[in-house]
Amino acid sequence: MGFLRRRPHPLPHAVPNPRAAPAPARNAPADADALLRRLEWTVLRRLDGALQGHYRTLMRGSGLDLADLREYQLHDDVRHIDWNVTARLAVPHVRVFTEDREMAAWFLLDLSASVDFGSGARLKRQVSAEFVAVLARLLTRHGNRVGALLYGHGVEQMMPPRASRTHVLQLLHAMQNRPEPSPAAAPTSTRLADLLQAGANFIRRRSTIFVVSDFISEPGWEKPLGQLAQRHEVLAVRLFDPLERALPDLGLIPLRDAETGQELMVDTHDAGFRRRFAQIAAQREDELRATLARAGVDALELSTEGELLGAIVRFIELRRQRTRAAPGGGVPAHLRKSA
């Protein structure tokens, strides 16, 4: 069971389910189209300038083209030494590769009840939609295809990868207009392992996979994540709200688990209770980060009170630094292992 949280806010519902035949962009509902237009002006334009050629750091291609030769340096992968050039020049040289940028990206989207929480102006679901809109549009503008798996009360929908603005709008429609659960349906907890396993089954060709979730889930998702990362380039996009890490002094308040429906009254005026809550939250943070590190998955953390552009730019810069520092001259780990 995840953290207890306040009652979720309702989301706008404006269009039929996007499982129907694709509609042209001009028929897009106002909410999704307005969201994408706003982000294209306020985030994407600035992000294009901020990347300054570091686009390759965000998404690595599945193919390699020989780009250059250079002298061997400490920590280079010896399997990339060009022995013919080395013999002619009597100095070790290594092959430098350029990665193919045209590949598929997938969004594994956790849209369970826990992402309907937000203590401020935005919900975690809205942060998720903004991130997906920006990244999907950025990738499709560079010729890449994006697909998605949507998880709510189980894996509900698969959208095959395509490369167009219309497709990005359809993806946003699907996120905003999921089917409502039956009133008779029993409350269920999130099983992130089901989403990750579905990703492993559906996505056969090596891809870049963004797992967008708050990672509030039943145990057992760690192993499927590690297995997914062995085959694909996996990036964890972790959604959180500051209230999940520390409670303010609000007195006696009711809290409700958005997934199970369990409710209880807590006295946030009790300093000892707030301290224990913060300790448990900090321990969970440490365990989550350690789990992602063991799986070899980079993590981008997005707060409901944070600024999306700055978070993405900082994340790309960290990936660029790690790629430069990695043994093998920046060649992806899966290629170093199988070379």
Protein backbone atom coordinates (compact mmCIF):
# COMPACT_ATOMS: atom_id res chain seq x y z
CA MET A 1 0.00 0.00 0.00
CA GLY A 2 1.37 3.40 -0.89
CA PHE A 3 1.42 6.60 1.10
CA LEU A 4 -1.93 7.93 2.26
CA ARG A 5 -2.96 10.96 0.31
CA ARG A 6 -5.80 13.42 -0.05
CA ARG A 7 -8.76 12.91 -2.34
CA PRO A 8 -7.82 13.24 -6.01
CA HIS A 9 -8.96 16.14 -8.16
CA PRO A 10 -11.15 15.43 -11.18
CA LEU A 11 -9.58 15.72 -14.64
CA PRO A 12 -11.24 17.23 -17.73
CA HIS A 13 -12.98 14.78 -20.08
CA ALA A 14 -13.58 16.13 -23.54
CA VAL A 15 -13.22 13.54 -26.32
CA PRO A 16 -14.02 9.93 -27.16
CA ASN A 17 -11.44 7.25 -26.42
CA PRO A 18 -8.53 7.46 -28.93
CA ARG A 19 -8.79 3.74 -29.72
CA ALA A 20 -11.10 4.91 -32.51
CA ALA A 21 -9.76 5.71 -35.96
CA PRO A 22 -7.09 8.44 -35.85
CA ALA A 23 -8.52 11.94 -36.23
CA PRO A 24 -6.73 14.80 -37.94
CA ALA A 25 -4.97 17.31 -35.70
CA ARG A 26 -7.57 20.01 -36.45
CA ASN A 27 -10.21 17.83 -34.75
CA ALA A 28 -8.17 17.51 -31.57
CA PRO A 29 -9.96 18.48 -28.35
CA ALA A 30 -9.12 21.87 -26.98
CA ASP A 31 -7.47 20.64 -23.78
CA ALA A 32 -4.82 18.43 -25.44
CA ASP A 33 -4.19 20.77 -28.34
CA ALA A 34 -3.96 23.80 -26.05
CA LEU A 35 -1.55 21.95 -23.77
CA LEU A 36 0.74 20.98 -26.64
CA ARG A 37 0.67 24.46 -28.18
CA ARG A 38 1.51 26.06 -24.84
CA LEU A 39 4.42 23.69 -24.26
CA GLU A 40 5.72 24.16 -27.80
CA TRP A 41 6.01 27.90 -27.16
CA THR A 42 7.09 27.93 -23.52
CA VAL A 43 9.29 24.83 -23.24
CA LEU A 44 10.17 23.25 -26.59
CA ARG A 45 11.51 26.43 -28.19
CA ARG A 46 13.74 27.10 -25.19
CA LEU A 47 14.73 23.43 -24.94
CA ASP A 48 15.91 23.37 -28.56
CA GLY A 49 18.32 26.20 -27.74
CA ALA A 50 19.39 24.75 -24.40
CA LEU A 51 20.30 21.34 -25.87
CA GLN A 52 22.89 22.90 -28.19
CA GLY A 53 23.75 19.65 -29.96
CA HIS A 54 23.37 17.33 -26.97
CA TYR A 55 20.29 15.65 -28.45
CA ARG A 56 22.23 12.40 -28.88
CA THR A 57 22.72 12.18 -25.13
CA LEU A 58 18.98 11.93 -24.61
CA MET A 59 18.30 9.13 -27.08
CA ARG A 60 20.81 6.63 -28.36
CA GLY A 61 20.29 4.89 -31.65
CA SER A 62 20.38 1.16 -32.30
CA GLY A 63 22.94 1.32 -35.11
CA LEU A 64 26.58 2.46 -35.24
CA ASP A 65 28.49 4.17 -38.04
CA LEU A 66 32.26 4.55 -38.03
CA ALA A 67 32.94 8.27 -37.60
CA ASP A 68 36.64 8.67 -36.88
CA LEU A 69 39.86 7.20 -35.53
CA ARG A 70 41.84 8.62 -32.63
CA GLU A 71 44.71 7.62 -30.37
CA TYR A 72 43.94 5.20 -27.58
CA GLN A 73 43.22 6.85 -24.20
CA LEU A 74 43.02 5.46 -20.69
CA HIS A 75 39.71 3.62 -20.05
CA ASP A 76 38.98 3.12 -23.77
CA ASP A 77 37.55 -0.29 -24.61
CA VAL A 78 40.42 -2.36 -26.04
CA ARG A 79 37.93 -4.21 -28.26
CA HIS A 80 37.57 -1.01 -30.32
CA ILE A 81 41.29 -0.82 -31.14
CA ASP A 82 41.90 -0.72 -34.90
CA TRP A 83 44.86 -3.08 -35.17
CA ASN A 84 45.64 -2.28 -38.81
CA VAL A 85 46.03 1.45 -38.09
CA THR A 86 47.88 0.67 -34.87
CA ALA A 87 50.39 -1.50 -36.74
CA ARG A 88 50.97 1.13 -39.45
CA LEU A 89 51.43 4.06 -37.05
CA ALA A 90 53.00 2.12 -34.16
CA VAL A 91 50.60 3.96 -31.83
CA PRO A 92 47.35 2.37 -30.55
CA HIS A 93 44.27 3.86 -32.22
CA VAL A 94 40.59 3.19 -31.50
CA ARG A 95 37.51 3.43 -33.71
CA VAL A 96 34.96 6.13 -32.80
CA PHE A 97 31.35 5.49 -33.72
CA THR A 98 28.36 7.72 -34.41
CA GLU A 99 25.04 6.35 -33.25
CA ASP A 100 21.98 6.21 -35.46
CA ARG A 101 19.43 8.69 -34.12
CA GLU A 102 16.39 7.28 -35.90
CA MET A 103 14.85 4.78 -33.52
CA ALA A 104 11.69 4.23 -31.54
CA ALA A 105 10.96 5.63 -28.11
CA TRP A 106 8.31 4.20 -25.81
CA PHE A 107 6.51 5.75 -22.84
CA LEU A 108 5.43 3.28 -20.16
CA LEU A 109 2.85 5.42 -18.36
CA ASP A 110 1.65 4.77 -14.83
CA LEU A 111 -1.78 6.46 -14.68
CA SER A 112 -2.98 4.73 -11.52
CA ALA A 113 -4.94 6.55 -8.84
CA SER A 114 -1.87 7.63 -6.87
CA VAL A 115 -0.76 10.02 -9.64
CA ASP A 116 -3.98 12.02 -9.17
CA PHE A 117 -2.38 13.67 -6.14
CA GLY A 118 -1.00 17.17 -5.89
CA SER A 119 -0.72 19.45 -2.88
CA GLY A 120 -0.35 22.61 -4.99
CA ALA A 121 -1.54 23.89 -8.34
CA ARG A 122 -0.60 20.76 -10.32
CA LEU A 123 -1.23 17.04 -9.97
CA LYS A 124 1.40 14.42 -10.68
CA ARG A 125 -0.77 13.35 -13.64
CA GLN A 126 -0.49 16.83 -15.13
CA VAL A 127 3.30 16.81 -14.70
CA SER A 128 3.36 13.43 -16.45
CA ALA A 129 1.28 14.77 -19.37
CA GLU A 130 3.54 17.82 -19.76
CA PHE A 131 6.69 15.70 -19.76
CA VAL A 132 5.26 13.26 -22.31
CA ALA A 133 4.08 16.12 -24.54
CA VAL A 134 7.50 17.81 -24.54
CA LEU A 135 9.61 14.68 -25.02
CA ALA A 136 7.29 13.07 -27.58
CA ARG A 137 7.17 16.24 -29.67
CA LEU A 138 10.92 16.77 -29.37
CA LEU A 139 11.59 13.22 -30.55
CA THR A 140 9.06 13.20 -33.39
CA ARG A 141 10.41 16.52 -34.69
CA HIS A 142 13.78 14.80 -35.08
CA GLY A 143 12.25 11.95 -37.09
CA ASN A 144 11.86 9.40 -34.29
CA ARG A 145 8.73 7.36 -33.63
CA VAL A 146 7.07 7.26 -30.20
CA GLY A 147 4.71 4.67 -28.78
CA ALA A 148 3.11 4.13 -25.39
CA LEU A 149 1.67 1.61 -22.97
CA LEU A 150 -0.95 3.03 -20.60
CA TYR A 151 -1.49 1.49 -17.17
CA GLY A 152 -4.42 2.36 -14.93
CA HIS A 153 -6.35 -0.58 -13.52
CA GLY A 154 -4.01 -2.86 -15.38
CA VAL A 155 -2.40 -2.39 -18.81
CA GLU A 156 -5.29 -0.72 -20.64
CA GLN A 157 -3.97 0.42 -24.01
CA MET A 158 -1.03 0.09 -26.38
CA MET A 159 -0.30 2.82 -28.92
CA PRO A 160 2.15 1.68 -31.62
CA PRO A 161 5.04 4.03 -32.41
CA ARG A 162 4.50 6.74 -35.02
CA ALA A 163 6.17 10.06 -35.82
CA SER A 164 3.78 12.99 -36.16
CA ARG A 165 2.23 15.80 -34.18
CA THR A 166 -1.19 14.17 -34.61
CA HIS A 167 0.13 11.03 -32.94
CA VAL A 168 1.43 13.06 -30.00
CA LEU A 169 -2.04 14.62 -29.63
CA GLN A 170 -3.63 11.17 -29.68
CA LEU A 171 -1.27 10.08 -26.94
CA LEU A 172 -2.26 13.08 -24.81
CA HIS A 173 -5.94 12.30 -25.51
CA ALA A 174 -5.43 8.78 -24.25
CA MET A 175 -3.78 10.02 -21.06
CA GLN A 176 -6.54 12.56 -20.36
CA ASN A 177 -9.53 10.40 -21.28
CA ARG A 178 -9.00 7.00 -19.77
CA PRO A 179 -12.13 4.94 -19.06
CA GLU A 180 -13.60 5.39 -15.59
CA PRO A 181 -13.53 2.26 -13.36
CA SER A 182 -16.80 0.52 -12.64
CA PRO A 183 -18.39 1.64 -9.34
CA ALA A 184 -18.62 -2.03 -8.40
CA ALA A 185 -14.93 -2.66 -9.03
CA ALA A 186 -12.89 -3.39 -5.93
CA PRO A 187 -10.05 -0.95 -5.14
CA THR A 188 -6.70 -2.26 -6.36
CA SER A 189 -3.09 -1.33 -5.70
CA THR A 190 -0.66 -0.50 -8.47
CA ARG A 191 1.33 -3.40 -9.88
CA LEU A 192 4.13 -1.68 -11.76
CA ALA A 193 5.61 -5.10 -12.56
CA ASP A 194 2.65 -5.74 -14.91
CA LEU A 195 3.44 -2.60 -16.90
CA LEU A 196 7.15 -3.42 -17.14
CA GLN A 197 6.44 -7.00 -18.17
CA ALA A 198 4.02 -5.81 -20.83
CA GLY A 199 6.75 -3.52 -22.12
CA ALA A 200 9.15 -6.44 -22.37
CA ASN A 201 6.56 -8.46 -24.29
CA PHE A 202 5.44 -5.72 -26.70
CA ILE A 203 8.74 -3.96 -27.41
CA ARG A 204 10.96 -6.37 -29.30
CA ARG A 205 13.37 -4.06 -31.09
CA ARG A 206 15.88 -2.18 -28.99
CA SER A 207 14.37 1.19 -28.04
CA THR A 208 14.60 4.05 -25.59
CA ILE A 209 11.98 3.51 -22.89
CA PHE A 210 10.73 6.19 -20.50
CA VAL A 211 9.06 4.67 -17.43
CA VAL A 212 6.92 7.54 -16.11
CA SER A 213 5.59 6.74 -12.64
CA ASP A 214 5.58 7.77 -9.00
CA PHE A 215 6.86 4.24 -8.27
CA ILE A 216 4.26 3.78 -5.53
CA SER A 217 3.54 0.14 -6.22
CA GLU A 218 3.31 -3.33 -4.82
CA PRO A 219 6.76 -4.97 -4.51
CA GLY A 220 8.14 -7.09 -7.32
CA TRP A 221 8.81 -4.50 -10.05
CA GLU A 222 12.56 -4.36 -9.45
CA LYS A 223 13.44 -7.54 -11.36
CA PRO A 224 11.30 -6.77 -14.47
CA LEU A 225 12.88 -3.30 -14.60
CA GLY A 226 16.38 -4.76 -14.54
CA GLN A 227 15.48 -7.26 -17.26
CA LEU A 228 14.01 -4.47 -19.41
CA ALA A 229 17.19 -2.41 -18.96
CA GLN A 230 19.34 -5.29 -20.20
CA ARG A 231 17.71 -5.09 -23.64
CA HIS A 232 16.72 -1.43 -23.93
CA GLU A 233 17.89 2.05 -22.94
CA VAL A 234 15.59 2.64 -19.94
CA LEU A 235 15.07 6.00 -18.23
CA ALA A 236 12.99 6.31 -15.06
CA VAL A 237 10.93 9.49 -14.80
CA ARG A 238 9.88 9.68 -11.17
CA LEU A 239 6.88 11.88 -10.27
CA PHE A 240 6.55 13.19 -6.74
CA ASP A 241 4.91 15.86 -4.62
CA PRO A 242 6.79 17.66 -1.82
CA LEU A 243 4.03 16.70 0.62
CA GLU A 244 5.00 13.05 0.14
CA ARG A 245 8.40 13.77 1.69
CA ALA A 246 7.46 16.03 4.60
CA LEU A 247 4.15 16.98 6.24
CA PRO A 248 3.51 20.57 7.38
CA ASP A 249 1.74 21.38 10.63
CA LEU A 250 -1.89 21.42 9.51
CA GLY A 251 -3.48 20.09 12.66
CA LEU A 252 -5.94 17.20 12.58
CA ILE A 253 -6.65 16.26 8.95
CA PRO A 254 -8.22 13.28 7.11
CA LEU A 255 -6.03 11.37 4.67
CA ARG A 256 -7.23 8.84 2.11
CA ASP A 257 -5.32 6.26 0.10
CA ALA A 258 -6.32 7.05 -3.49
CA GLU A 259 -5.93 3.43 -4.60
CA THR A 260 -7.39 1.34 -1.77
CA GLY A 261 -9.84 3.91 -0.39
CA GLN A 262 -8.57 3.49 3.17
CA GLU A 263 -9.04 6.60 5.30
CA LEU A 264 -7.75 7.75 8.67
CA MET A 265 -7.32 10.91 10.72
CA VAL A 266 -3.79 12.07 11.49
CA ASP A 267 -2.58 14.80 13.82
CA THR A 268 0.06 16.69 11.87
CA HIS A 269 0.47 19.04 14.83
CA ASP A 270 2.37 16.19 16.51
CA ALA A 271 6.05 16.92 15.85
CA GLY A 272 6.98 13.29 16.54
CA PHE A 273 4.53 12.06 13.90
CA ARG A 274 5.88 14.51 11.32
CA ARG A 275 9.44 13.43 12.13
CA ARG A 276 8.62 9.73 11.77
CA PHE A 277 6.81 10.42 8.50
CA ALA A 278 9.86 12.27 7.12
CA GLN A 279 12.20 9.46 8.22
CA ILE A 280 10.09 6.78 6.52
CA ALA A 281 9.82 8.92 3.39
CA ALA A 282 13.60 9.50 3.32
CA GLN A 283 14.24 5.78 3.73
CA ARG A 284 11.91 5.02 0.84
CA GLU A 285 13.69 7.63 -1.30
CA ASP A 286 17.07 6.03 -0.60
CA GLU A 287 15.76 2.54 -1.37
CA LEU A 288 14.15 3.68 -4.61
CA ARG A 289 17.29 5.41 -5.87
CA ALA A 290 19.42 2.41 -4.93
CA THR A 291 17.05 0.08 -6.80
CA LEU A 292 17.20 2.20 -9.95
CA ALA A 293 21.00 2.37 -9.72
CA ARG A 294 21.28 -1.41 -9.37
CA ALA A 295 19.12 -1.82 -12.48
CA GLY A 296 21.45 0.53 -14.39
CA VAL A 297 18.63 3.02 -14.99
CA ASP A 298 19.13 6.79 -15.03
CA ALA A 299 16.43 8.71 -13.14
CA LEU A 300 14.82 12.08 -13.74
CA GLU A 301 12.78 13.39 -10.81
CA LEU A 302 9.87 15.73 -11.57
CA SER A 303 8.13 17.60 -8.77
CA THR A 304 4.61 19.00 -8.95
CA GLU A 305 6.16 22.29 -7.82
CA GLY A 306 9.22 22.10 -10.09
CA GLU A 307 10.05 23.67 -13.46
CA LEU A 308 10.01 21.19 -16.34
CA LEU A 309 12.53 22.85 -18.66
CA GLY A 310 15.25 23.17 -16.02
CA ALA A 311 14.78 19.58 -14.86
CA ILE A 312 15.13 18.19 -18.40
CA VAL A 313 18.20 20.31 -19.19
CA ARG A 314 19.94 19.27 -15.93
CA PHE A 315 19.14 15.63 -16.62
CA ILE A 316 20.56 15.75 -20.16
CA GLU A 317 23.70 17.49 -18.90
CA LEU A 318 24.24 14.75 -16.29
CA ARG A 319 23.80 12.06 -18.95
CA ARG A 320 26.28 13.83 -21.20
CA GLN A 321 28.85 13.94 -18.40
CA ARG A 322 28.30 10.26 -17.58
CA THR A 323 28.67 9.30 -21.24
CA ARG A 324 31.98 11.15 -21.47
CA ALA A 325 33.28 9.57 -18.25
CA ALA A 326 32.13 6.02 -19.06
CA PRO A 327 34.76 3.43 -20.03
CA GLY A 328 34.74 2.63 -23.74
CA GLY A 329 34.76 6.19 -25.03
CA GLY A 330 31.00 6.66 -24.68
CA VAL A 331 29.99 3.49 -26.53
CA PRO A 332 26.73 2.16 -25.00
CA ALA A 333 27.15 -0.51 -22.34
CA HIS A 334 25.14 -3.16 -24.21
CA LEU A 335 27.47 -2.83 -27.21
CA ARG A 336 30.60 -3.01 -25.04
CA LYS A 337 29.36 -6.24 -23.47
CA SER A 338 28.45 -7.90 -26.74
CA ALA A 339 31.35 -6.66 -28.85
